[in-house]
Amino acid sequence: MDNHGKEARASVIGLRAMKLLSGLDDTVLEALAPECCWRRYVAGQRVISRDARDNDVYLIVSGRVRITAFSGGGRQVTYRDVSAADWFGDLAAIDGLSRSADVEALEDTVLAVMTPVLFKRLVHDHPVVCDRVLERLTGFVRDLSERVFDFSTLSVSARIQTEVLRLAREAGIDGNSARIDPAPKHADMASKVATYREQVTREITAMVKQGLLERSGKTLVVPDVQRLERLISEGRRDA
């Protein structure tokens, strides 16, 4: 097999791992691979700028990116981190409007980039892809609705506790405990719950004193996930 054939095969393998394309035949992926633009970004490099007119869809072959926005005063709001096998950018591809957020590579990242025309063709031609896009969009609505409720009704302390619980679930719960490794930077947590780094530091320290968290080197341990869940649930009922 020549180098061109090896590269084509590697491209198909990369696409096969994508959640958006899972289950599609290799013949479909083989036809799709050369229609994608393959790009590499180093850690810290900007992928998308807010308000840009770029409407492409990005599939993460390897690496991880962060989706954020900045206020006029320079305050950062983090929406979410997106990891390998996932995708982003479909909102602008669907409605044709400018980008609503900035995207930055958190580590060296390889992306397969699809034009809006190619993305919409996949959605229209393959029901399984259409279903995944619909599930993604409804997930966004549910997540944003929950975040609006939390920001409107919960104290800063409760929002930080909720973010710790989210990170614990993302890391994986073993029995009734979870290890968040590495521990998140306080500035990153602050940008996700609309507060300041100092407030996060105070709350994490308080949670350690209460036994809700334990520090283990660069790892945060949630020793009793159910206790944290109950505390957050009680806070939401009282809100």
C-alpha atoms as a PDB file:
ATOM      1  CA  MET A   1       0.000   0.000   0.000  1.00  0.00           C
ATOM      2  CA  ASP A   2       1.475   3.424  -1.006  1.00  0.00           C
ATOM      3  CA  ASN A   3       1.533   6.464   1.266  1.00  0.00           C
ATOM      4  CA  HIS A   4      -1.662   7.856  -0.252  1.00  0.00           C
ATOM      5  CA  GLY A   5      -3.467   4.604   0.455  1.00  0.00           C
ATOM      6  CA  LYS A   6      -2.168   4.501   4.021  1.00  0.00           C
ATOM      7  CA  GLU A   7      -3.295   8.077   4.641  1.00  0.00           C
ATOM      8  CA  ALA A   8      -6.734   7.335   3.213  1.00  0.00           C
ATOM      9  CA  ARG A   9      -7.073   4.272   5.436  1.00  0.00           C
ATOM     10  CA  ALA A  10      -5.967   6.240   8.500  1.00  0.00           C
ATOM     11  CA  SER A  11      -8.569   8.889   7.660  1.00  0.00           C
ATOM     12  CA  VAL A  12     -11.315   6.274   7.503  1.00  0.00           C
ATOM     13  CA  ILE A  13     -10.206   4.838  10.865  1.00  0.00           C
ATOM     14  CA  GLY A  14     -10.301   8.341  12.345  1.00  0.00           C
ATOM     15  CA  LEU A  15     -13.823   8.955  11.057  1.00  0.00           C
ATOM     16  CA  ARG A  16     -15.032   5.554  12.229  1.00  0.00           C
ATOM     17  CA  ALA A  17     -14.305   6.581  15.829  1.00  0.00           C
ATOM     18  CA  MET A  18     -16.552   9.659  15.590  1.00  0.00           C
ATOM     19  CA  LYS A  19     -19.785   9.502  17.603  1.00  0.00           C
ATOM     20  CA  LEU A  20     -21.581  11.405  14.857  1.00  0.00           C
ATOM     21  CA  LEU A  21     -20.656   8.794  12.237  1.00  0.00           C
ATOM     22  CA  SER A  22     -20.768   5.607  14.300  1.00  0.00           C
ATOM     23  CA  GLY A  23     -22.484   2.767  12.446  1.00  0.00           C
ATOM     24  CA  LEU A  24     -21.982   4.130   8.949  1.00  0.00           C
ATOM     25  CA  ASP A  25     -20.539   1.691   6.409  1.00  0.00           C
ATOM     26  CA  ASP A  26     -16.868   1.941   5.506  1.00  0.00           C
ATOM     27  CA  THR A  27     -17.897   2.702   1.939  1.00  0.00           C
ATOM     28  CA  VAL A  28     -19.608   5.861   3.188  1.00  0.00           C
ATOM     29  CA  LEU A  29     -16.589   6.807   5.302  1.00  0.00           C
ATOM     30  CA  GLU A  30     -14.206   6.152   2.412  1.00  0.00           C
ATOM     31  CA  ALA A  31     -16.198   8.548   0.253  1.00  0.00           C
ATOM     32  CA  LEU A  32     -16.420  11.090   3.084  1.00  0.00           C
ATOM     33  CA  ALA A  33     -12.734  11.152   4.107  1.00  0.00           C
ATOM     34  CA  PRO A  34     -11.371  12.999   1.049  1.00  0.00           C
ATOM     35  CA  GLU A  35     -14.197  15.557   1.302  1.00  0.00           C
ATOM     36  CA  CYS A  36     -13.035  16.563   4.793  1.00  0.00           C
ATOM     37  CA  CYS A  37     -10.276  19.055   5.431  1.00  0.00           C
ATOM     38  CA  TRP A  38      -7.813  17.690   7.994  1.00  0.00           C
ATOM     39  CA  ARG A  39      -6.245  20.234  10.346  1.00  0.00           C
ATOM     40  CA  ARG A  40      -3.825  20.167  13.276  1.00  0.00           C
ATOM     41  CA  TYR A  41      -3.796  22.646  16.150  1.00  0.00           C
ATOM     42  CA  VAL A  42      -1.276  22.960  18.961  1.00  0.00           C
ATOM     43  CA  ALA A  43      -2.295  23.457  22.586  1.00  0.00           C
ATOM     44  CA  GLY A  44      -3.451  27.024  23.155  1.00  0.00           C
ATOM     45  CA  GLN A  45      -4.177  27.725  19.494  1.00  0.00           C
ATOM     46  CA  ARG A  46      -7.484  29.361  18.546  1.00  0.00           C
ATOM     47  CA  VAL A  47      -9.707  27.141  16.396  1.00  0.00           C
ATOM     48  CA  ILE A  48     -12.804  29.362  16.089  1.00  0.00           C
ATOM     49  CA  SER A  49     -13.363  33.010  16.971  1.00  0.00           C
ATOM     50  CA  ARG A  50     -16.665  34.342  18.204  1.00  0.00           C
ATOM     51  CA  ASP A  51     -18.660  36.218  15.546  1.00  0.00           C
ATOM     52  CA  ALA A  52     -16.589  34.652  12.734  1.00  0.00           C
ATOM     53  CA  ARG A  53     -18.486  33.791   9.577  1.00  0.00           C
ATOM     54  CA  ASP A  54     -16.963  30.308   9.393  1.00  0.00           C
ATOM     55  CA  ASN A  55     -19.803  27.729   9.348  1.00  0.00           C
ATOM     56  CA  ASP A  56     -17.864  24.451   9.182  1.00  0.00           C
ATOM     57  CA  VAL A  57     -18.409  21.456  11.464  1.00  0.00           C
ATOM     58  CA  TYR A  58     -15.394  20.093  13.344  1.00  0.00           C
ATOM     59  CA  LEU A  59     -14.922  16.431  14.329  1.00  0.00           C
ATOM     60  CA  ILE A  60     -12.230  15.803  16.953  1.00  0.00           C
ATOM     61  CA  VAL A  61     -10.025  12.924  15.790  1.00  0.00           C
ATOM     62  CA  SER A  62      -7.633  13.393  18.717  1.00  0.00           C
ATOM     63  CA  GLY A  63      -7.097  15.993  21.429  1.00  0.00           C
ATOM     64  CA  ARG A  64      -9.492  18.272  23.306  1.00  0.00           C
ATOM     65  CA  VAL A  65     -10.897  21.790  22.923  1.00  0.00           C
ATOM     66  CA  ARG A  66     -12.648  24.313  25.168  1.00  0.00           C
ATOM     67  CA  ILE A  67     -15.672  26.381  24.134  1.00  0.00           C
ATOM     68  CA  THR A  68     -15.794  29.798  25.797  1.00  0.00           C
ATOM     69  CA  ALA A  69     -16.972  33.375  25.433  1.00  0.00           C
ATOM     70  CA  PHE A  70     -15.685  36.634  26.896  1.00  0.00           C
ATOM     71  CA  SER A  71     -17.717  39.544  28.202  1.00  0.00           C
ATOM     72  CA  GLY A  72     -16.985  43.131  27.200  1.00  0.00           C
ATOM     73  CA  GLY A  73     -15.010  43.446  30.442  1.00  0.00           C
ATOM     74  CA  GLY A  74     -12.857  40.443  29.583  1.00  0.00           C
ATOM     75  CA  ARG A  75     -14.506  37.940  31.924  1.00  0.00           C
ATOM     76  CA  GLN A  76     -14.388  34.394  30.587  1.00  0.00           C
ATOM     77  CA  VAL A  77     -17.417  32.092  30.572  1.00  0.00           C
ATOM     78  CA  THR A  78     -16.704  28.434  29.819  1.00  0.00           C
ATOM     79  CA  TYR A  79     -19.508  26.478  28.185  1.00  0.00           C
ATOM     80  CA  ARG A  80     -17.905  23.042  27.929  1.00  0.00           C
ATOM     81  CA  ASP A  81     -14.826  21.008  27.027  1.00  0.00           C
ATOM     82  CA  VAL A  82     -15.095  18.707  24.013  1.00  0.00           C
ATOM     83  CA  SER A  83     -12.921  15.603  23.697  1.00  0.00           C
ATOM     84  CA  ALA A  84     -11.854  13.165  21.001  1.00  0.00           C
ATOM     85  CA  ALA A  85     -14.653  11.387  19.061  1.00  0.00           C
ATOM     86  CA  ASP A  86     -17.029  14.304  19.678  1.00  0.00           C
ATOM     87  CA  TRP A  87     -17.856  17.242  17.418  1.00  0.00           C
ATOM     88  CA  PHE A  88     -18.694  20.953  17.530  1.00  0.00           C
ATOM     89  CA  GLY A  89     -19.698  23.796  15.244  1.00  0.00           C
ATOM     90  CA  ASP A  90     -22.976  22.350  14.008  1.00  0.00           C
ATOM     91  CA  LEU A  91     -25.139  25.260  15.176  1.00  0.00           C
ATOM     92  CA  ALA A  92     -23.576  27.698  12.704  1.00  0.00           C
ATOM     93  CA  ALA A  93     -23.698  25.048   9.985  1.00  0.00           C
ATOM     94  CA  ILE A  94     -27.446  24.652  10.541  1.00  0.00           C
ATOM     95  CA  ASP A  95     -28.572  28.290  10.808  1.00  0.00           C
ATOM     96  CA  GLY A  96     -25.834  29.969   8.769  1.00  0.00           C
ATOM     97  CA  LEU A  97     -25.241  32.650  11.400  1.00  0.00           C
ATOM     98  CA  SER A  98     -21.887  33.739  12.827  1.00  0.00           C
ATOM     99  CA  ARG A  99     -20.163  31.834  15.621  1.00  0.00           C
ATOM    100  CA  SER A 100     -21.510  32.308  19.142  1.00  0.00           C
ATOM    101  CA  ALA A 101     -18.349  31.283  21.024  1.00  0.00           C
ATOM    102  CA  ASP A 102     -14.570  30.968  20.896  1.00  0.00           C
ATOM    103  CA  VAL A 103     -12.940  27.540  20.643  1.00  0.00           C
ATOM    104  CA  GLU A 104      -9.355  26.880  21.745  1.00  0.00           C
ATOM    105  CA  ALA A 105      -7.292  23.698  21.661  1.00  0.00           C
ATOM    106  CA  LEU A 106      -6.492  22.524  25.203  1.00  0.00           C
ATOM    107  CA  GLU A 107      -3.900  20.089  23.861  1.00  0.00           C
ATOM    108  CA  ASP A 108      -2.483  19.162  20.480  1.00  0.00           C
ATOM    109  CA  THR A 109      -5.566  18.369  18.430  1.00  0.00           C
ATOM    110  CA  VAL A 110      -6.408  16.851  15.041  1.00  0.00           C
ATOM    111  CA  LEU A 111      -9.728  17.834  13.444  1.00  0.00           C
ATOM    112  CA  ALA A 112     -11.681  16.605  10.442  1.00  0.00           C
ATOM    113  CA  VAL A 113     -13.553  19.612   9.082  1.00  0.00           C
ATOM    114  CA  MET A 114     -16.774  19.380   7.067  1.00  0.00           C
ATOM    115  CA  THR A 115     -18.445  22.167   5.114  1.00  0.00           C
ATOM    116  CA  PRO A 116     -22.070  22.998   5.960  1.00  0.00           C
ATOM    117  CA  VAL A 117     -23.147  21.470   2.646  1.00  0.00           C
ATOM    118  CA  LEU A 118     -21.385  18.187   3.417  1.00  0.00           C
ATOM    119  CA  PHE A 119     -22.742  18.125   6.983  1.00  0.00           C
ATOM    120  CA  LYS A 120     -26.339  18.727   5.878  1.00  0.00           C
ATOM    121  CA  ARG A 121     -26.025  16.078   3.201  1.00  0.00           C
ATOM    122  CA  LEU A 122     -24.969  13.535   5.838  1.00  0.00           C
ATOM    123  CA  VAL A 123     -27.905  14.535   8.037  1.00  0.00           C
ATOM    124  CA  HIS A 124     -30.396  14.221   5.179  1.00  0.00           C
ATOM    125  CA  ASP A 125     -28.993  10.991   3.732  1.00  0.00           C
ATOM    126  CA  HIS A 126     -28.422   9.014   6.932  1.00  0.00           C
ATOM    127  CA  PRO A 127     -31.184   8.822   9.583  1.00  0.00           C
ATOM    128  CA  VAL A 128     -28.728   7.628  12.249  1.00  0.00           C
ATOM    129  CA  VAL A 129     -26.690  10.834  11.809  1.00  0.00           C
ATOM    130  CA  CYS A 130     -29.881  12.917  11.889  1.00  0.00           C
ATOM    131  CA  ASP A 131     -30.920  11.245  15.153  1.00  0.00           C
ATOM    132  CA  ARG A 132     -27.558  12.024  16.776  1.00  0.00           C
ATOM    133  CA  VAL A 133     -27.758  15.671  15.756  1.00  0.00           C
ATOM    134  CA  LEU A 134     -31.301  15.933  17.154  1.00  0.00           C
ATOM    135  CA  GLU A 135     -30.187  14.275  20.401  1.00  0.00           C
ATOM    136  CA  ARG A 136     -27.292  16.734  20.624  1.00  0.00           C
ATOM    137  CA  LEU A 137     -29.556  19.745  20.123  1.00  0.00           C
ATOM    138  CA  THR A 138     -32.108  18.609  22.707  1.00  0.00           C
ATOM    139  CA  GLY A 139     -29.226  17.901  25.091  1.00  0.00           C
ATOM    140  CA  PHE A 140     -28.036  21.488  24.648  1.00  0.00           C
ATOM    141  CA  VAL A 141     -31.500  22.825  25.463  1.00  0.00           C
ATOM    142  CA  ARG A 142     -31.817  20.672  28.582  1.00  0.00           C
ATOM    143  CA  ASP A 143     -28.316  21.547  29.779  1.00  0.00           C
ATOM    144  CA  LEU A 144     -28.807  25.273  29.222  1.00  0.00           C
ATOM    145  CA  SER A 145     -32.222  25.190  30.923  1.00  0.00           C
ATOM    146  CA  GLU A 146     -30.660  23.538  33.960  1.00  0.00           C
ATOM    147  CA  ARG A 147     -27.800  26.031  34.031  1.00  0.00           C
ATOM    148  CA  VAL A 148     -30.194  28.994  33.797  1.00  0.00           C
ATOM    149  CA  PHE A 149     -32.200  27.549  36.694  1.00  0.00           C
ATOM    150  CA  ASP A 150     -29.053  26.996  38.773  1.00  0.00           C
ATOM    151  CA  PHE A 151     -27.687  30.488  38.088  1.00  0.00           C
ATOM    152  CA  SER A 152     -31.079  32.037  38.906  1.00  0.00           C
ATOM    153  CA  THR A 153     -31.825  30.123  42.097  1.00  0.00           C
ATOM    154  CA  LEU A 154     -28.668  28.648  43.636  1.00  0.00           C
ATOM    155  CA  SER A 155     -26.025  30.372  45.690  1.00  0.00           C
ATOM    156  CA  VAL A 156     -22.446  30.475  44.436  1.00  0.00           C
ATOM    157  CA  SER A 157     -21.521  27.760  46.943  1.00  0.00           C
ATOM    158  CA  ALA A 158     -24.265  25.474  45.633  1.00  0.00           C
ATOM    159  CA  ARG A 159     -23.194  26.088  42.039  1.00  0.00           C
ATOM    160  CA  ILE A 160     -19.618  25.136  42.867  1.00  0.00           C
ATOM    161  CA  GLN A 161     -20.819  21.980  44.631  1.00  0.00           C
ATOM    162  CA  THR A 162     -22.901  21.125  41.563  1.00  0.00           C
ATOM    163  CA  GLU A 163     -19.866  21.541  39.313  1.00  0.00           C
ATOM    164  CA  VAL A 164     -17.810  19.265  41.585  1.00  0.00           C
ATOM    165  CA  LEU A 165     -20.563  16.641  41.333  1.00  0.00           C
ATOM    166  CA  ARG A 166     -20.608  16.975  37.543  1.00  0.00           C
ATOM    167  CA  LEU A 167     -16.837  16.466  37.416  1.00  0.00           C
ATOM    168  CA  ALA A 168     -17.141  13.446  39.719  1.00  0.00           C
ATOM    169  CA  ARG A 169     -19.719  11.824  37.447  1.00  0.00           C
ATOM    170  CA  GLU A 170     -17.603  12.612  34.400  1.00  0.00           C
ATOM    171  CA  ALA A 171     -14.557  11.024  36.052  1.00  0.00           C
ATOM    172  CA  GLY A 172     -16.542   7.919  36.959  1.00  0.00           C
ATOM    173  CA  ILE A 173     -18.065   6.836  40.276  1.00  0.00           C
ATOM    174  CA  ASP A 174     -16.604   3.694  41.833  1.00  0.00           C
ATOM    175  CA  GLY A 175     -18.939   2.428  44.535  1.00  0.00           C
ATOM    176  CA  ASN A 176     -19.825   5.702  46.212  1.00  0.00           C
ATOM    177  CA  SER A 177     -16.635   7.662  45.588  1.00  0.00           C
ATOM    178  CA  ALA A 178     -14.943   9.389  42.680  1.00  0.00           C
ATOM    179  CA  ARG A 179     -11.437  10.634  41.875  1.00  0.00           C
ATOM    180  CA  ILE A 180     -11.176  13.827  39.839  1.00  0.00           C
ATOM    181  CA  ASP A 181      -7.714  13.595  38.300  1.00  0.00           C
ATOM    182  CA  PRO A 182      -6.245  16.039  37.693  1.00  0.00           C
ATOM    183  CA  ALA A 183      -8.050  18.422  40.011  1.00  0.00           C
ATOM    184  CA  PRO A 184      -9.588  21.283  37.994  1.00  0.00           C
ATOM    185  CA  LYS A 185      -8.005  24.710  38.064  1.00  0.00           C
ATOM    186  CA  HIS A 186     -10.021  27.049  40.240  1.00  0.00           C
ATOM    187  CA  ALA A 187     -10.062  29.683  37.489  1.00  0.00           C
ATOM    188  CA  ASP A 188     -11.581  27.142  35.078  1.00  0.00           C
ATOM    189  CA  MET A 189     -14.291  26.191  37.574  1.00  0.00           C
ATOM    190  CA  ALA A 190     -15.039  29.853  38.214  1.00  0.00           C
ATOM    191  CA  SER A 191     -15.596  30.492  34.498  1.00  0.00           C
ATOM    192  CA  LYS A 192     -18.106  27.636  34.363  1.00  0.00           C
ATOM    193  CA  VAL A 193     -20.238  28.732  37.317  1.00  0.00           C
ATOM    194  CA  ALA A 194     -20.072  32.519  36.813  1.00  0.00           C
ATOM    195  CA  THR A 195     -17.991  33.496  39.835  1.00  0.00           C
ATOM    196  CA  TYR A 196     -14.408  34.361  40.762  1.00  0.00           C
ATOM    197  CA  ARG A 197     -11.403  32.121  41.369  1.00  0.00           C
ATOM    198  CA  GLU A 198     -11.108  33.262  44.983  1.00  0.00           C
ATOM    199  CA  GLN A 199     -14.680  32.161  45.698  1.00  0.00           C
ATOM    200  CA  VAL A 200     -13.974  28.720  44.255  1.00  0.00           C
ATOM    201  CA  THR A 201     -10.845  28.417  46.399  1.00  0.00           C
ATOM    202  CA  ARG A 202     -12.820  29.303  49.533  1.00  0.00           C
ATOM    203  CA  GLU A 203     -15.597  26.846  48.718  1.00  0.00           C
ATOM    204  CA  ILE A 204     -13.232  23.961  47.899  1.00  0.00           C
ATOM    205  CA  THR A 205     -11.437  24.582  51.212  1.00  0.00           C
ATOM    206  CA  ALA A 206     -14.795  24.567  53.023  1.00  0.00           C
ATOM    207  CA  MET A 207     -15.831  21.324  51.328  1.00  0.00           C
ATOM    208  CA  VAL A 208     -12.568  19.694  52.441  1.00  0.00           C
ATOM    209  CA  LYS A 209     -13.216  20.803  56.045  1.00  0.00           C
ATOM    210  CA  GLN A 210     -16.768  19.377  55.833  1.00  0.00           C
ATOM    211  CA  GLY A 211     -15.477  16.045  54.560  1.00  0.00           C
ATOM    212  CA  LEU A 212     -17.205  16.468  51.191  1.00  0.00           C
ATOM    213  CA  LEU A 213     -13.830  16.521  49.441  1.00  0.00           C
ATOM    214  CA  GLU A 214     -10.352  15.165  50.058  1.00  0.00           C
ATOM    215  CA  ARG A 215      -7.079  16.246  48.488  1.00  0.00           C
ATOM    216  CA  SER A 216      -4.668  13.583  47.287  1.00  0.00           C
ATOM    217  CA  GLY A 217      -1.711  15.152  45.531  1.00  0.00           C
ATOM    218  CA  LYS A 218      -3.063  16.687  42.328  1.00  0.00           C
ATOM    219  CA  THR A 219      -6.315  14.738  42.666  1.00  0.00           C
ATOM    220  CA  LEU A 220      -9.619  15.695  44.266  1.00  0.00           C
ATOM    221  CA  VAL A 221     -11.511  12.818  45.860  1.00  0.00           C
ATOM    222  CA  VAL A 222     -15.253  12.841  46.524  1.00  0.00           C
ATOM    223  CA  PRO A 223     -15.465  10.196  49.289  1.00  0.00           C
ATOM    224  CA  ASP A 224     -19.269  10.122  49.534  1.00  0.00           C
ATOM    225  CA  VAL A 225     -20.990  11.036  46.273  1.00  0.00           C
ATOM    226  CA  GLN A 226     -24.457  10.317  47.643  1.00  0.00           C
ATOM    227  CA  ARG A 227     -23.919  12.770  50.494  1.00  0.00           C
ATOM    228  CA  LEU A 228     -22.943  15.478  48.000  1.00  0.00           C
ATOM    229  CA  GLU A 229     -25.981  14.644  45.858  1.00  0.00           C
ATOM    230  CA  ARG A 230     -28.291  14.937  48.881  1.00  0.00           C
ATOM    231  CA  LEU A 231     -26.775  18.284  49.876  1.00  0.00           C
ATOM    232  CA  ILE A 232     -27.274  19.694  46.379  1.00  0.00           C
ATOM    233  CA  SER A 233     -30.806  18.269  46.121  1.00  0.00           C
ATOM    234  CA  GLU A 234     -31.779  19.862  49.435  1.00  0.00           C
ATOM    235  CA  GLY A 235     -30.367  23.190  48.246  1.00  0.00           C
ATOM    236  CA  ARG A 236     -32.458  23.042  45.080  1.00  0.00           C
ATOM    237  CA  ARG A 237     -35.639  22.250  47.032  1.00  0.00           C
ATOM    238  CA  ASP A 238     -35.024  25.230  49.299  1.00  0.00           C
ATOM    239  CA  ALA A 239     -34.291  27.554  46.346  1.00  0.00           C
END
